Amino acid sequence: MKIASITITHHSLKLDPPYLASFDTRPKTSHGISLVRVTTDEGVTGIGAGYAMRGFEGHEGLFVGEDPLALERHYRVLNNLHFYYGRPWPLDIALWDLAGKITGQPVWKMLGGLSNRCPAYASTGSLRTAAETVELAEFYISHGFKAMKIRFKRPDWREDVAVVEAVRNRVGDRLELMVDCNQGWLMPWDIQAPWQLKDALVVAKALEDLGVYWMEEPLHRGDIEGMAALRQSTHLRIAGGEGNLEVYEFQNLIQRRCLDVLQPDVTWCGGISGLRRVAIMAQENHLMFTPHAWTNGIGALANYHLAAGLAGSPYVEFPYDPPGWTLERRDYPMLKPVEIDADGMIVLNERPGLGFDLDEERLAHTLV
């Protein structure tokens, strides 16, 4: 069996009304993805999706005619392409989906089979008043979630902390609370400076008494010394890494003792092939690995298979911020969205590959 073709299509779902995200100063008016299909000469197709794969066109010949199960070979080629063009990782996801379909195994089992279940935390993306956030927390509890992430970036960090305090006062220990400071990276059009170490220290001290589970991206992704110093100065778990684009960067973050929680994303960095290395490094250094998953449902599923099958993540990100960011908006390429069960768990099925079906009609209507 050989790879016969690689097809990339681009899709965009119009968001009306737009989604107002804390991490983006411009309203999000559309949700775009690149969809990758890898088909063998025997008609088996693997599917992956992520952000725009600019620069990949013309390099299909590096894979066509090759053994689809040579995943390590493909990863090394993709890693080279990443150096020149950036983010070809939806193809790696498609290759894992394909390998699972060929071998008759779900990806989580191919990765180690540790579990097909992982606890989800409800990941908010927008800024709300304290009262609105409290009501949202109650909504999550009623739907089975055991943890919730609250976004920062209000004009004054004290306003952010006040929101966390209001939620804690209302829900007590019914929810674990995470905080995302969103200081690690910016959108291309944003120019404000990120927090410095002493800014983050003040916020950390304010969050300690509120029992926050982790403090995410409190500093710029390149502030290695700052992260290490912050981690030593607070009993909060320090989380980060979603904006780091090279697998080797995580070795440095681990060696320098910068983070308690590693959060790369298979659609941004390394694909499944690269990040399984990071998951193992995290385990061997007694750190948490819980991937970023603020992406489309297919990309999120790939992260969940890695987290459940290999990493044993204590929580995984479940982007869900209604009414602006619903399951239908997030997972529009899929016939059925990824959901949690009554216990707040993502339960991966036994189907070969990533275990989902495309909504071909929706994809036809959103084709760019």
Protein backbone atom coordinates (compact mmCIF):
# COMPACT_ATOMS: atom_id res chain seq x y z
CA MET A 1 0.00 0.00 0.00
CA LYS A 2 1.28 3.44 -0.97
CA ILE A 3 0.16 7.04 -0.54
CA ALA A 4 -1.58 7.98 -3.79
CA SER A 5 -2.67 11.58 -3.20
CA ILE A 6 -2.77 14.48 -0.77
CA THR A 7 -5.61 16.99 -1.10
CA ILE A 8 -5.85 20.24 0.85
CA THR A 9 -9.02 22.34 0.90
CA HIS A 10 -9.68 25.55 2.78
CA HIS A 11 -12.96 26.33 4.51
CA SER A 12 -14.43 29.29 6.37
CA LEU A 13 -17.58 29.46 8.47
CA LYS A 14 -19.08 32.95 8.78
CA LEU A 15 -19.69 33.95 12.41
CA ASP A 16 -22.75 36.16 12.69
CA PRO A 17 -22.77 37.61 15.25
CA PRO A 18 -18.98 37.77 15.57
CA TYR A 19 -17.19 36.16 18.51
CA LEU A 20 -15.47 38.57 20.91
CA ALA A 21 -12.43 36.79 22.32
CA SER A 22 -10.29 38.08 25.17
CA PHE A 23 -7.13 37.19 23.26
CA ASP A 24 -8.12 39.11 20.12
CA THR A 25 -8.79 42.84 19.94
CA ARG A 26 -10.67 42.34 16.66
CA PRO A 27 -14.04 40.55 16.62
CA LYS A 28 -13.76 37.10 15.05
CA THR A 29 -16.07 37.13 12.01
CA SER A 30 -15.16 33.73 10.58
CA HIS A 31 -13.70 30.37 11.57
CA GLY A 32 -11.25 29.13 8.97
CA ILE A 33 -9.51 25.76 8.67
CA SER A 34 -7.33 23.81 6.27
CA LEU A 35 -8.60 20.25 5.72
CA VAL A 36 -6.13 17.57 4.61
CA ARG A 37 -7.06 14.24 3.04
CA VAL A 38 -4.38 11.59 2.45
CA THR A 39 -5.56 8.70 0.26
CA THR A 40 -3.81 5.41 -0.47
CA ASP A 41 -3.79 3.43 -3.71
CA GLU A 42 -6.29 1.09 -2.02
CA GLY A 43 -8.77 3.89 -1.37
CA VAL A 44 -8.26 4.42 2.36
CA THR A 45 -8.34 8.09 3.41
CA GLY A 46 -6.95 9.77 6.50
CA ILE A 47 -8.17 13.23 7.51
CA GLY A 48 -6.60 16.06 9.49
CA ALA A 49 -7.35 19.73 10.00
CA GLY A 50 -5.76 22.82 11.44
CA TYR A 51 -4.72 26.31 10.51
CA ALA A 52 -3.65 27.41 7.03
CA MET A 53 -0.89 25.21 5.58
CA ARG A 54 0.75 27.99 3.61
CA GLY A 55 3.72 26.88 1.55
CA PHE A 56 2.96 23.17 1.48
CA GLU A 57 1.55 23.06 -2.05
CA GLY A 58 4.10 21.57 -4.42
CA HIS A 59 5.65 19.28 -1.81
CA GLU A 60 3.13 16.46 -2.10
CA GLY A 61 5.72 14.46 -4.03
CA LEU A 62 7.74 14.05 -0.84
CA PHE A 63 4.98 11.74 0.42
CA VAL A 64 3.15 10.33 -2.61
CA GLY A 65 4.41 6.82 -3.37
CA GLU A 66 5.64 6.28 0.20
CA ASP A 67 4.44 3.75 2.76
CA PRO A 68 1.60 5.44 4.72
CA LEU A 69 2.69 3.67 7.92
CA ALA A 70 6.20 5.17 7.85
CA LEU A 71 5.09 7.77 10.38
CA GLU A 72 8.55 8.58 11.71
CA ARG A 73 9.86 9.13 8.19
CA HIS A 74 6.95 11.44 7.43
CA TYR A 75 7.45 13.38 10.66
CA ARG A 76 11.08 14.10 9.82
CA VAL A 77 10.12 15.42 6.39
CA LEU A 78 7.34 17.55 7.89
CA ASN A 79 9.74 18.90 10.49
CA ASN A 80 12.04 20.04 7.68
CA LEU A 81 9.13 21.66 5.85
CA HIS A 82 8.09 23.36 9.08
CA PHE A 83 11.49 25.04 9.24
CA TYR A 84 10.98 26.57 5.80
CA TYR A 85 7.24 27.20 5.64
CA GLY A 86 5.60 26.68 9.03
CA ARG A 87 2.80 24.58 10.49
CA PRO A 88 2.31 21.62 8.11
CA TRP A 89 1.02 19.56 11.07
CA PRO A 90 -2.55 18.88 9.87
CA LEU A 91 -0.89 16.43 7.48
CA ASP A 92 0.66 14.56 10.40
CA ILE A 93 -2.79 14.32 11.99
CA ALA A 94 -4.20 12.93 8.73
CA LEU A 95 -1.38 10.37 8.55
CA TRP A 96 -2.18 9.12 12.06
CA ASP A 97 -5.87 8.91 11.20
CA LEU A 98 -4.90 6.96 8.08
CA ALA A 99 -2.57 4.64 10.00
CA GLY A 100 -5.36 3.86 12.46
CA LYS A 101 -7.76 3.04 9.63
CA ILE A 102 -5.19 0.79 7.96
CA THR A 103 -4.35 -1.12 11.14
CA GLY A 104 -7.90 -1.13 12.48
CA GLN A 105 -7.03 0.71 15.70
CA PRO A 106 -8.07 4.00 17.28
CA VAL A 107 -5.22 6.48 17.52
CA TRP A 108 -5.37 6.56 21.35
CA LYS A 109 -4.64 2.83 21.37
CA MET A 110 -1.82 3.16 18.82
CA LEU A 111 -0.19 5.76 21.06
CA GLY A 112 -0.11 3.44 24.05
CA GLY A 113 -3.67 2.63 24.99
CA LEU A 114 -3.41 4.17 28.45
CA SER A 115 -7.06 5.27 28.41
CA ASN A 116 -9.85 6.33 26.07
CA ARG A 117 -11.13 8.89 28.58
CA CYS A 118 -9.92 12.26 29.78
CA PRO A 119 -11.52 14.84 32.08
CA ALA A 120 -12.46 18.06 30.29
CA TYR A 121 -12.23 21.60 31.59
CA ALA A 122 -14.59 24.17 30.13
CA SER A 123 -12.37 26.73 28.43
CA THR A 124 -13.90 30.19 28.14
CA GLY A 125 -12.59 32.66 25.60
CA SER A 126 -14.47 35.89 26.22
CA LEU A 127 -14.59 38.46 29.01
CA ARG A 128 -17.75 38.69 31.09
CA THR A 129 -18.81 40.58 34.19
CA ALA A 130 -18.38 38.82 37.51
CA ALA A 131 -22.12 38.10 37.71
CA GLU A 132 -22.20 36.69 34.17
CA THR A 133 -19.16 34.52 34.82
CA VAL A 134 -20.73 33.15 38.00
CA GLU A 135 -23.82 32.13 36.04
CA LEU A 136 -21.66 30.54 33.37
CA ALA A 137 -19.85 28.54 36.05
CA GLU A 138 -23.19 27.21 37.29
CA PHE A 139 -24.11 26.33 33.70
CA TYR A 140 -20.91 24.30 33.35
CA ILE A 141 -21.54 22.47 36.61
CA SER A 142 -25.04 21.56 35.47
CA HIS A 143 -23.56 20.06 32.30
CA GLY A 144 -21.05 17.84 34.11
CA PHE A 145 -17.84 19.88 34.00
CA LYS A 146 -15.55 19.59 36.99
CA ALA A 147 -13.21 22.44 36.01
CA MET A 148 -13.35 25.84 34.28
CA LYS A 149 -10.77 28.22 32.85
CA ILE A 150 -11.36 31.97 33.24
CA ARG A 151 -9.76 34.44 30.86
CA PHE A 152 -7.89 37.57 31.93
CA LYS A 153 -7.12 40.78 29.97
CA ARG A 154 -9.55 43.24 31.47
CA PRO A 155 -8.19 46.81 31.75
CA ASP A 156 -6.93 46.17 35.30
CA TRP A 157 -5.76 42.77 36.58
CA ARG A 158 -7.64 43.47 39.83
CA GLU A 159 -10.87 43.27 37.83
CA ASP A 160 -9.74 39.88 36.54
CA VAL A 161 -9.01 38.61 40.04
CA ALA A 162 -12.37 39.93 41.27
CA VAL A 163 -14.12 37.74 38.69
CA VAL A 164 -12.25 34.65 39.92
CA GLU A 165 -13.09 35.54 43.52
CA ALA A 166 -16.79 35.90 42.68
CA VAL A 167 -16.85 32.48 41.02
CA ARG A 168 -14.99 30.84 43.91
CA ASN A 169 -17.36 32.38 46.44
CA ARG A 170 -20.34 31.00 44.50
CA VAL A 171 -19.18 27.51 43.52
CA GLY A 172 -16.82 26.68 46.40
CA ASP A 173 -14.98 23.45 45.62
CA ARG A 174 -17.51 22.24 43.05
CA LEU A 175 -15.18 23.46 40.27
CA GLU A 176 -11.45 23.55 39.86
CA LEU A 177 -10.59 27.00 38.52
CA MET A 178 -7.82 27.76 36.06
CA VAL A 179 -6.75 31.22 34.93
CA ASP A 180 -5.39 32.13 31.49
CA CYS A 181 -3.43 35.40 31.58
CA ASN A 182 -2.82 35.37 27.80
CA GLN A 183 0.61 36.98 28.03
CA GLY A 184 2.51 34.40 25.98
CA TRP A 185 1.67 35.60 22.48
CA LEU A 186 -0.34 38.25 20.64
CA MET A 187 -2.37 38.51 17.48
CA PRO A 188 -0.45 40.05 14.55
CA TRP A 189 -2.13 43.46 14.94
CA ASP A 190 -1.61 43.79 18.72
CA ILE A 191 1.43 45.68 20.00
CA GLN A 192 1.06 45.98 23.77
CA ALA A 193 3.88 44.67 25.96
CA PRO A 194 3.34 41.47 28.00
CA TRP A 195 3.64 41.37 31.76
CA GLN A 196 7.05 41.33 33.35
CA LEU A 197 8.03 39.03 36.22
CA LYS A 198 7.04 41.42 39.00
CA ASP A 199 3.64 42.02 37.39
CA ALA A 200 3.01 38.28 37.30
CA LEU A 201 4.22 37.84 40.87
CA VAL A 202 1.64 40.31 42.21
CA VAL A 203 -1.16 38.55 40.32
CA ALA A 204 0.05 35.12 41.47
CA LYS A 205 -0.04 36.20 45.11
CA ALA A 206 -3.62 37.44 44.65
CA LEU A 207 -4.66 34.09 43.12
CA GLU A 208 -3.01 31.80 45.65
CA ASP A 209 -5.70 32.19 48.30
CA LEU A 210 -8.43 31.49 45.73
CA GLY A 211 -7.23 27.93 45.16
CA VAL A 212 -6.51 28.40 41.48
CA TYR A 213 -5.37 25.12 39.89
CA TRP A 214 -3.00 26.73 37.43
CA MET A 215 -1.94 30.16 36.17
CA GLU A 216 -1.51 29.96 32.40
CA GLU A 217 0.83 32.03 30.23
CA PRO A 218 1.62 34.72 32.83
CA LEU A 219 4.72 35.78 30.89
CA HIS A 220 5.94 35.95 27.30
CA ARG A 221 6.76 32.51 25.87
CA GLY A 222 10.43 33.50 25.54
CA ASP A 223 10.88 34.77 29.10
CA ILE A 224 12.68 31.65 30.26
CA GLU A 225 14.31 33.16 33.33
CA GLY A 226 11.10 34.93 34.33
CA MET A 227 9.04 31.75 34.17
CA ALA A 228 11.60 29.83 36.20
CA ALA A 229 11.70 32.56 38.86
CA LEU A 230 7.90 32.80 38.99
CA ARG A 231 7.54 29.06 39.38
CA GLN A 232 9.89 29.12 42.35
CA SER A 233 8.06 32.05 43.94
CA THR A 234 4.50 30.72 44.07
CA HIS A 235 2.76 27.49 44.94
CA LEU A 236 0.47 27.95 41.91
CA ARG A 237 1.12 25.63 39.00
CA ILE A 238 2.58 27.62 36.10
CA ALA A 239 1.27 26.53 32.71
CA GLY A 240 2.35 27.45 29.20
CA GLY A 241 3.83 26.41 25.90
CA GLU A 242 0.87 26.74 23.54
CA GLY A 243 2.68 29.40 21.48
CA ASN A 244 5.98 27.52 21.22
CA LEU A 245 6.38 26.15 17.72
CA GLU A 246 9.39 23.83 17.95
CA VAL A 247 9.50 20.53 19.83
CA TYR A 248 13.02 21.20 21.08
CA GLU A 249 11.82 24.33 22.90
CA PHE A 250 10.06 22.11 25.41
CA GLN A 251 13.28 20.39 26.33
CA ASN A 252 14.66 23.80 27.26
CA LEU A 253 11.53 24.72 29.22
CA ILE A 254 11.79 21.45 31.15
CA GLN A 255 15.52 21.67 31.81
CA ARG A 256 15.24 25.26 33.02
CA ARG A 257 12.33 24.32 35.31
CA CYS A 258 10.02 26.93 33.81
CA LEU A 259 6.66 25.18 33.85
CA ASP A 260 4.57 22.74 35.86
CA VAL A 261 2.10 22.20 33.01
CA LEU A 262 3.09 21.82 29.34
CA GLN A 263 0.42 22.90 26.84
CA PRO A 264 1.51 22.47 23.22
CA ASP A 265 -1.02 21.85 20.44
CA VAL A 266 -0.65 19.17 17.76
CA THR A 267 -2.03 21.55 15.11
CA TRP A 268 0.63 24.18 15.91
CA CYS A 269 3.73 22.25 16.93
CA GLY A 270 5.00 18.85 15.89
CA GLY A 271 1.73 17.10 15.19
CA ILE A 272 0.98 13.91 17.08
CA SER A 273 4.39 12.50 16.10
CA GLY A 274 6.31 15.39 17.64
CA LEU A 275 4.21 15.99 20.72
CA ARG A 276 4.22 12.37 21.83
CA ARG A 277 7.91 13.03 22.47
CA VAL A 278 7.00 16.03 24.62
CA ALA A 279 4.36 14.02 26.50
CA ILE A 280 6.99 11.42 27.37
CA MET A 281 9.47 14.10 28.42
CA ALA A 282 6.81 15.60 30.69
CA GLN A 283 6.07 12.25 32.28
CA GLU A 284 9.73 11.45 32.87
CA ASN A 285 10.24 14.85 34.51
CA HIS A 286 7.09 14.57 36.67
CA LEU A 287 5.25 17.40 34.89
CA MET A 288 1.71 17.67 33.56
CA PHE A 289 1.01 17.45 29.85
CA THR A 290 -2.38 18.85 28.88
CA PRO A 291 -2.52 20.16 25.31
CA HIS A 292 -3.99 23.41 24.08
CA ALA A 293 -7.06 22.62 21.99
CA TRP A 294 -8.59 25.95 20.99
CA THR A 295 -9.01 24.85 17.40
CA ASN A 296 -11.53 22.92 15.29
CA GLY A 297 -13.03 19.62 16.43
CA ILE A 298 -10.68 17.50 14.34
CA GLY A 299 -7.60 19.18 15.78
CA ALA A 300 -9.07 18.95 19.27
CA LEU A 301 -9.74 15.23 18.79
CA ALA A 302 -6.11 14.67 17.80
CA ASN A 303 -5.01 16.39 21.03
CA TYR A 304 -7.45 14.29 23.05
CA HIS A 305 -6.19 11.01 21.58
CA LEU A 306 -2.65 11.98 22.54
CA ALA A 307 -3.64 13.15 26.01
CA ALA A 308 -5.75 10.08 26.82
CA GLY A 309 -3.75 7.36 25.11
CA LEU A 310 -0.27 8.39 26.23
CA ALA A 311 -0.13 11.33 28.62
CA GLY A 312 -2.82 10.60 31.18
CA SER A 313 -3.64 14.31 31.38
CA PRO A 314 -5.51 15.38 34.54
CA TYR A 315 -7.64 17.75 32.44
CA VAL A 316 -7.85 18.64 28.76
CA GLU A 317 -9.09 21.85 27.22
CA PHE A 318 -12.67 21.86 25.93
CA PRO A 319 -13.34 25.19 24.20
CA TYR A 320 -16.97 25.97 24.90
CA ASP A 321 -18.11 29.53 25.45
CA PRO A 322 -21.76 29.88 24.45
CA PRO A 323 -23.38 31.67 22.80
CA GLY A 324 -20.32 33.00 20.94
CA TRP A 325 -18.32 29.79 20.72
CA THR A 326 -20.65 26.82 20.48
CA LEU A 327 -19.94 23.20 19.59
CA GLU A 328 -21.59 23.79 16.21
CA ARG A 329 -19.28 26.70 15.41
CA ARG A 330 -16.18 24.97 16.74
CA ASP A 331 -16.73 21.59 15.07
CA TYR A 332 -18.51 22.54 11.86
CA PRO A 333 -16.38 20.26 9.62
CA MET A 334 -17.68 17.22 11.54
CA LEU A 335 -20.99 15.42 11.22
CA LYS A 336 -21.20 15.19 15.02
CA PRO A 337 -19.40 17.54 17.41
CA VAL A 338 -17.10 16.33 20.18
CA GLU A 339 -19.04 16.29 23.44
CA ILE A 340 -18.55 15.37 27.08
CA ASP A 341 -20.55 12.83 29.06
CA ALA A 342 -22.54 13.46 32.24
CA ASP A 343 -19.35 13.07 34.32
CA GLY A 344 -17.44 15.74 32.41
CA MET A 345 -15.36 13.20 30.49
CA ILE A 346 -14.38 13.08 26.82
CA VAL A 347 -14.82 9.43 25.86
CA LEU A 348 -12.99 8.38 22.70
CA ASN A 349 -14.55 5.57 20.69
CA GLU A 350 -13.10 2.31 19.36
CA ARG A 351 -13.37 3.26 15.70
CA PRO A 352 -10.12 3.10 13.69
CA GLY A 353 -8.21 6.36 13.40
CA LEU A 354 -9.57 9.45 15.11
CA GLY A 355 -13.11 8.10 14.95
CA PHE A 356 -15.18 10.86 13.33
CA ASP A 357 -17.12 11.58 10.14
CA LEU A 358 -17.01 14.70 7.99
CA ASP A 359 -20.06 16.84 7.29
CA GLU A 360 -19.51 16.94 3.54
CA GLU A 361 -22.53 19.15 2.91
CA ARG A 362 -21.30 21.79 5.36
CA LEU A 363 -17.79 21.58 3.94
CA ALA A 364 -19.14 22.17 0.42
CA HIS A 365 -20.96 25.30 1.62
CA THR A 366 -17.91 26.65 3.47
CA LEU A 367 -15.34 25.94 0.74
CA VAL A 368 -13.09 28.92 0.05
